[in-house]
Amino acid sequence: MLSNHPTGATFGLIERDEVASATLAGVLSLVEQAEQATAGEDKQAFQFLLWKSAADAEYVAFQLSMGHGLGDFEPGDERAESEAELTLQAARKLLLEAKSSLQSNPREAYCSVRKAVTILRKMHLAAENVSKGRRKSRQKEMG
């Protein structure tokens, strides 16, 4: 049984929000590493960082959903992601927005995290497709 906190919140919810906040900080770190990896030649590291940041952001969304009763909440597509918005900078901005609104407005934080997940997943898919295309062209050259 969860005990009540003097503020009226349960300890379980506070602890979950702390875990979500820590995980969100980790996701921001991964996005920063991915930004640095774009300048390098290691495309596999870049793809992995995109995948890991999307997976961890998805976990944050799950924590917010379960902790704040957002299981049936479907964030509206307030703005469709254009090609220009599919950047690490856009994902980072959304994650920072989520971090700042986590305590005051969990629903808004959830929406920002879900949008960031969408961007990161689309970027990962695009990077993966480019990598597959390179492998196929190398195979044709060798074969």
C-alpha atoms as a PDB file:
ATOM      1  CA  MET A   1       0.000   0.000   0.000  1.00  0.00           C
ATOM      2  CA  LEU A   2       1.281   3.439  -0.853  1.00  0.00           C
ATOM      3  CA  SER A   3       1.429   6.014   1.921  1.00  0.00           C
ATOM      4  CA  ASN A   4       0.355   9.570   1.440  1.00  0.00           C
ATOM      5  CA  HIS A   5       2.813  12.403   1.168  1.00  0.00           C
ATOM      6  CA  PRO A   6       2.032  15.674   3.016  1.00  0.00           C
ATOM      7  CA  THR A   7       1.398  17.356  -0.346  1.00  0.00           C
ATOM      8  CA  GLY A   8      -1.376  14.888  -1.093  1.00  0.00           C
ATOM      9  CA  ALA A   9       0.627  12.897  -3.641  1.00  0.00           C
ATOM     10  CA  THR A  10       1.564   9.311  -3.032  1.00  0.00           C
ATOM     11  CA  PHE A  11       5.162   8.318  -2.537  1.00  0.00           C
ATOM     12  CA  GLY A  12       4.811   5.904  -5.449  1.00  0.00           C
ATOM     13  CA  LEU A  13       3.919   8.709  -7.843  1.00  0.00           C
ATOM     14  CA  ILE A  14       6.720  10.942  -6.613  1.00  0.00           C
ATOM     15  CA  GLU A  15       9.224   8.125  -6.969  1.00  0.00           C
ATOM     16  CA  ARG A  16       7.943   7.308 -10.469  1.00  0.00           C
ATOM     17  CA  ASP A  17       8.281  10.943 -11.499  1.00  0.00           C
ATOM     18  CA  GLU A  18      11.831  11.000 -10.142  1.00  0.00           C
ATOM     19  CA  VAL A  19      12.651   7.883 -12.175  1.00  0.00           C
ATOM     20  CA  ALA A  20      11.007   9.425 -15.249  1.00  0.00           C
ATOM     21  CA  SER A  21      13.007  12.619 -14.734  1.00  0.00           C
ATOM     22  CA  ALA A  22      16.275  10.692 -14.376  1.00  0.00           C
ATOM     23  CA  THR A  23      15.481   8.582 -17.446  1.00  0.00           C
ATOM     24  CA  LEU A  24      14.614  11.740 -19.374  1.00  0.00           C
ATOM     25  CA  ALA A  25      17.999  13.220 -18.431  1.00  0.00           C
ATOM     26  CA  GLY A  26      19.605  10.055 -19.794  1.00  0.00           C
ATOM     27  CA  VAL A  27      17.653  10.372 -23.041  1.00  0.00           C
ATOM     28  CA  LEU A  28      18.846  13.963 -23.414  1.00  0.00           C
ATOM     29  CA  SER A  29      22.414  12.748 -22.935  1.00  0.00           C
ATOM     30  CA  LEU A  30      21.913  10.082 -25.623  1.00  0.00           C
ATOM     31  CA  VAL A  31      20.519  12.682 -28.032  1.00  0.00           C
ATOM     32  CA  GLU A  32      23.546  14.877 -27.352  1.00  0.00           C
ATOM     33  CA  GLN A  33      25.852  11.918 -28.072  1.00  0.00           C
ATOM     34  CA  ALA A  34      23.933  11.239 -31.292  1.00  0.00           C
ATOM     35  CA  GLU A  35      24.430  14.875 -32.327  1.00  0.00           C
ATOM     36  CA  GLN A  36      28.171  14.430 -31.822  1.00  0.00           C
ATOM     37  CA  ALA A  37      28.149  11.109 -33.683  1.00  0.00           C
ATOM     38  CA  THR A  38      26.659  12.713 -36.795  1.00  0.00           C
ATOM     39  CA  ALA A  39      29.986  14.449 -37.375  1.00  0.00           C
ATOM     40  CA  GLY A  40      31.887  11.174 -37.159  1.00  0.00           C
ATOM     41  CA  GLU A  41      32.151   8.265 -39.541  1.00  0.00           C
ATOM     42  CA  ASP A  42      30.638   5.651 -37.239  1.00  0.00           C
ATOM     43  CA  LYS A  43      27.140   5.331 -38.695  1.00  0.00           C
ATOM     44  CA  GLN A  44      26.390   2.236 -36.589  1.00  0.00           C
ATOM     45  CA  ALA A  45      27.024   4.184 -33.383  1.00  0.00           C
ATOM     46  CA  PHE A  46      24.709   6.933 -34.643  1.00  0.00           C
ATOM     47  CA  GLN A  47      21.972   4.413 -35.453  1.00  0.00           C
ATOM     48  CA  PHE A  48      22.357   2.753 -32.065  1.00  0.00           C
ATOM     49  CA  LEU A  49      22.128   6.099 -30.246  1.00  0.00           C
ATOM     50  CA  LEU A  50      18.957   6.957 -32.172  1.00  0.00           C
ATOM     51  CA  TRP A  51      17.442   3.565 -31.363  1.00  0.00           C
ATOM     52  CA  LYS A  52      18.442   3.724 -27.671  1.00  0.00           C
ATOM     53  CA  SER A  53      17.199   7.282 -27.202  1.00  0.00           C
ATOM     54  CA  ALA A  54      13.835   6.393 -28.827  1.00  0.00           C
ATOM     55  CA  ALA A  55      13.505   3.265 -26.672  1.00  0.00           C
ATOM     56  CA  ASP A  56      14.350   5.118 -23.462  1.00  0.00           C
ATOM     57  CA  ALA A  57      12.004   7.990 -24.360  1.00  0.00           C
ATOM     58  CA  GLU A  58       9.281   5.404 -24.971  1.00  0.00           C
ATOM     59  CA  TYR A  59       9.927   4.115 -21.431  1.00  0.00           C
ATOM     60  CA  VAL A  60       9.515   7.652 -20.055  1.00  0.00           C
ATOM     61  CA  ALA A  61       6.193   7.931 -21.898  1.00  0.00           C
ATOM     62  CA  PHE A  62       5.137   4.603 -20.374  1.00  0.00           C
ATOM     63  CA  GLN A  63       6.072   5.807 -16.882  1.00  0.00           C
ATOM     64  CA  LEU A  64       4.091   9.015 -17.339  1.00  0.00           C
ATOM     65  CA  SER A  65       1.151   7.126 -18.797  1.00  0.00           C
ATOM     66  CA  MET A  66       0.974   4.660 -15.931  1.00  0.00           C
ATOM     67  CA  GLY A  67       1.780   7.130 -13.179  1.00  0.00           C
ATOM     68  CA  HIS A  68      -0.689   9.795 -14.231  1.00  0.00           C
ATOM     69  CA  GLY A  69      -3.563   7.751 -15.646  1.00  0.00           C
ATOM     70  CA  LEU A  70      -2.852   8.614 -19.258  1.00  0.00           C
ATOM     71  CA  GLY A  71      -3.331   5.070 -20.555  1.00  0.00           C
ATOM     72  CA  ASP A  72      -6.397   6.042 -22.598  1.00  0.00           C
ATOM     73  CA  PHE A  73      -5.065   9.484 -23.486  1.00  0.00           C
ATOM     74  CA  GLU A  74      -4.048   9.842 -27.111  1.00  0.00           C
ATOM     75  CA  PRO A  75      -2.085  13.018 -27.749  1.00  0.00           C
ATOM     76  CA  GLY A  76      -3.496  14.840 -30.736  1.00  0.00           C
ATOM     77  CA  ASP A  77      -1.341  15.516 -33.735  1.00  0.00           C
ATOM     78  CA  GLU A  78      -1.233  19.259 -33.126  1.00  0.00           C
ATOM     79  CA  ARG A  79       1.361  19.710 -35.807  1.00  0.00           C
ATOM     80  CA  ALA A  80       2.488  17.164 -38.312  1.00  0.00           C
ATOM     81  CA  GLU A  81       6.221  16.608 -38.326  1.00  0.00           C
ATOM     82  CA  SER A  82       7.609  18.030 -41.527  1.00  0.00           C
ATOM     83  CA  GLU A  83      10.957  16.922 -42.900  1.00  0.00           C
ATOM     84  CA  ALA A  84      12.539  20.055 -41.408  1.00  0.00           C
ATOM     85  CA  GLU A  85      11.296  19.114 -37.924  1.00  0.00           C
ATOM     86  CA  LEU A  86      12.797  15.618 -38.054  1.00  0.00           C
ATOM     87  CA  THR A  87      16.038  16.679 -36.425  1.00  0.00           C
ATOM     88  CA  LEU A  88      17.865  15.883 -33.234  1.00  0.00           C
ATOM     89  CA  GLN A  89      17.505  19.533 -32.269  1.00  0.00           C
ATOM     90  CA  ALA A  90      13.701  19.275 -32.524  1.00  0.00           C
ATOM     91  CA  ALA A  91      13.713  16.073 -30.461  1.00  0.00           C
ATOM     92  CA  ARG A  92      15.984  17.670 -27.848  1.00  0.00           C
ATOM     93  CA  LYS A  93      13.718  20.733 -27.651  1.00  0.00           C
ATOM     94  CA  LEU A  94      10.672  18.516 -27.043  1.00  0.00           C
ATOM     95  CA  LEU A  95      12.513  16.493 -24.392  1.00  0.00           C
ATOM     96  CA  LEU A  96      13.590  19.686 -22.615  1.00  0.00           C
ATOM     97  CA  GLU A  97       9.977  20.899 -22.713  1.00  0.00           C
ATOM     98  CA  ALA A  98       8.903  17.587 -21.192  1.00  0.00           C
ATOM     99  CA  LYS A  99      11.508  17.848 -18.453  1.00  0.00           C
ATOM    100  CA  SER A 100      10.423  21.366 -17.512  1.00  0.00           C
ATOM    101  CA  SER A 101       6.710  20.486 -17.437  1.00  0.00           C
ATOM    102  CA  LEU A 102       7.037  17.049 -15.806  1.00  0.00           C
ATOM    103  CA  GLN A 103       6.011  18.195 -12.322  1.00  0.00           C
ATOM    104  CA  SER A 104       3.558  20.929 -13.256  1.00  0.00           C
ATOM    105  CA  ASN A 105       1.797  19.372 -16.236  1.00  0.00           C
ATOM    106  CA  PRO A 106       2.431  15.637 -16.756  1.00  0.00           C
ATOM    107  CA  ARG A 107      -0.006  15.492 -19.678  1.00  0.00           C
ATOM    108  CA  GLU A 108       1.940  18.157 -21.554  1.00  0.00           C
ATOM    109  CA  ALA A 109       5.191  16.347 -20.705  1.00  0.00           C
ATOM    110  CA  TYR A 110       3.702  13.117 -22.049  1.00  0.00           C
ATOM    111  CA  CYS A 111       2.702  14.801 -25.331  1.00  0.00           C
ATOM    112  CA  SER A 112       6.198  16.261 -25.760  1.00  0.00           C
ATOM    113  CA  VAL A 113       7.850  12.903 -25.079  1.00  0.00           C
ATOM    114  CA  ARG A 114       5.543  11.097 -27.538  1.00  0.00           C
ATOM    115  CA  LYS A 115       6.399  13.646 -30.258  1.00  0.00           C
ATOM    116  CA  ALA A 116      10.113  13.224 -29.523  1.00  0.00           C
ATOM    117  CA  VAL A 117       9.736   9.435 -29.764  1.00  0.00           C
ATOM    118  CA  THR A 118       8.101   9.826 -33.190  1.00  0.00           C
ATOM    119  CA  ILE A 119      10.946  12.034 -34.423  1.00  0.00           C
ATOM    120  CA  LEU A 120      13.654   9.720 -33.065  1.00  0.00           C
ATOM    121  CA  ARG A 121      12.021   6.608 -34.529  1.00  0.00           C
ATOM    122  CA  LYS A 122      11.623   8.223 -37.956  1.00  0.00           C
ATOM    123  CA  MET A 123      15.235   9.360 -37.888  1.00  0.00           C
ATOM    124  CA  HIS A 124      16.377   5.871 -36.892  1.00  0.00           C
ATOM    125  CA  LEU A 125      14.376   4.304 -39.705  1.00  0.00           C
ATOM    126  CA  ALA A 126      15.814   6.754 -42.236  1.00  0.00           C
ATOM    127  CA  ALA A 127      19.380   6.108 -41.034  1.00  0.00           C
ATOM    128  CA  GLU A 128      18.772   2.365 -41.151  1.00  0.00           C
ATOM    129  CA  ASN A 129      17.421   2.588 -44.710  1.00  0.00           C
ATOM    130  CA  VAL A 130      20.454   4.600 -45.832  1.00  0.00           C
ATOM    131  CA  SER A 131      22.723   1.990 -44.271  1.00  0.00           C
ATOM    132  CA  LYS A 132      20.860  -0.851 -46.003  1.00  0.00           C
ATOM    133  CA  GLY A 133      21.118   0.998 -49.307  1.00  0.00           C
ATOM    134  CA  ARG A 134      24.880   1.322 -48.905  1.00  0.00           C
ATOM    135  CA  ARG A 135      25.217  -2.382 -48.140  1.00  0.00           C
ATOM    136  CA  LYS A 136      23.208  -3.332 -51.224  1.00  0.00           C
ATOM    137  CA  SER A 137      25.273  -1.085 -53.469  1.00  0.00           C
ATOM    138  CA  ARG A 138      28.504  -2.561 -52.055  1.00  0.00           C
ATOM    139  CA  GLN A 139      27.184  -6.051 -52.663  1.00  0.00           C
ATOM    140  CA  LYS A 140      26.391  -5.189 -56.280  1.00  0.00           C
ATOM    141  CA  GLU A 141      29.891  -3.774 -56.744  1.00  0.00           C
ATOM    142  CA  MET A 142      31.461  -6.938 -55.336  1.00  0.00           C
ATOM    143  CA  GLY A 143      29.100  -9.395 -56.984  1.00  0.00           C
END
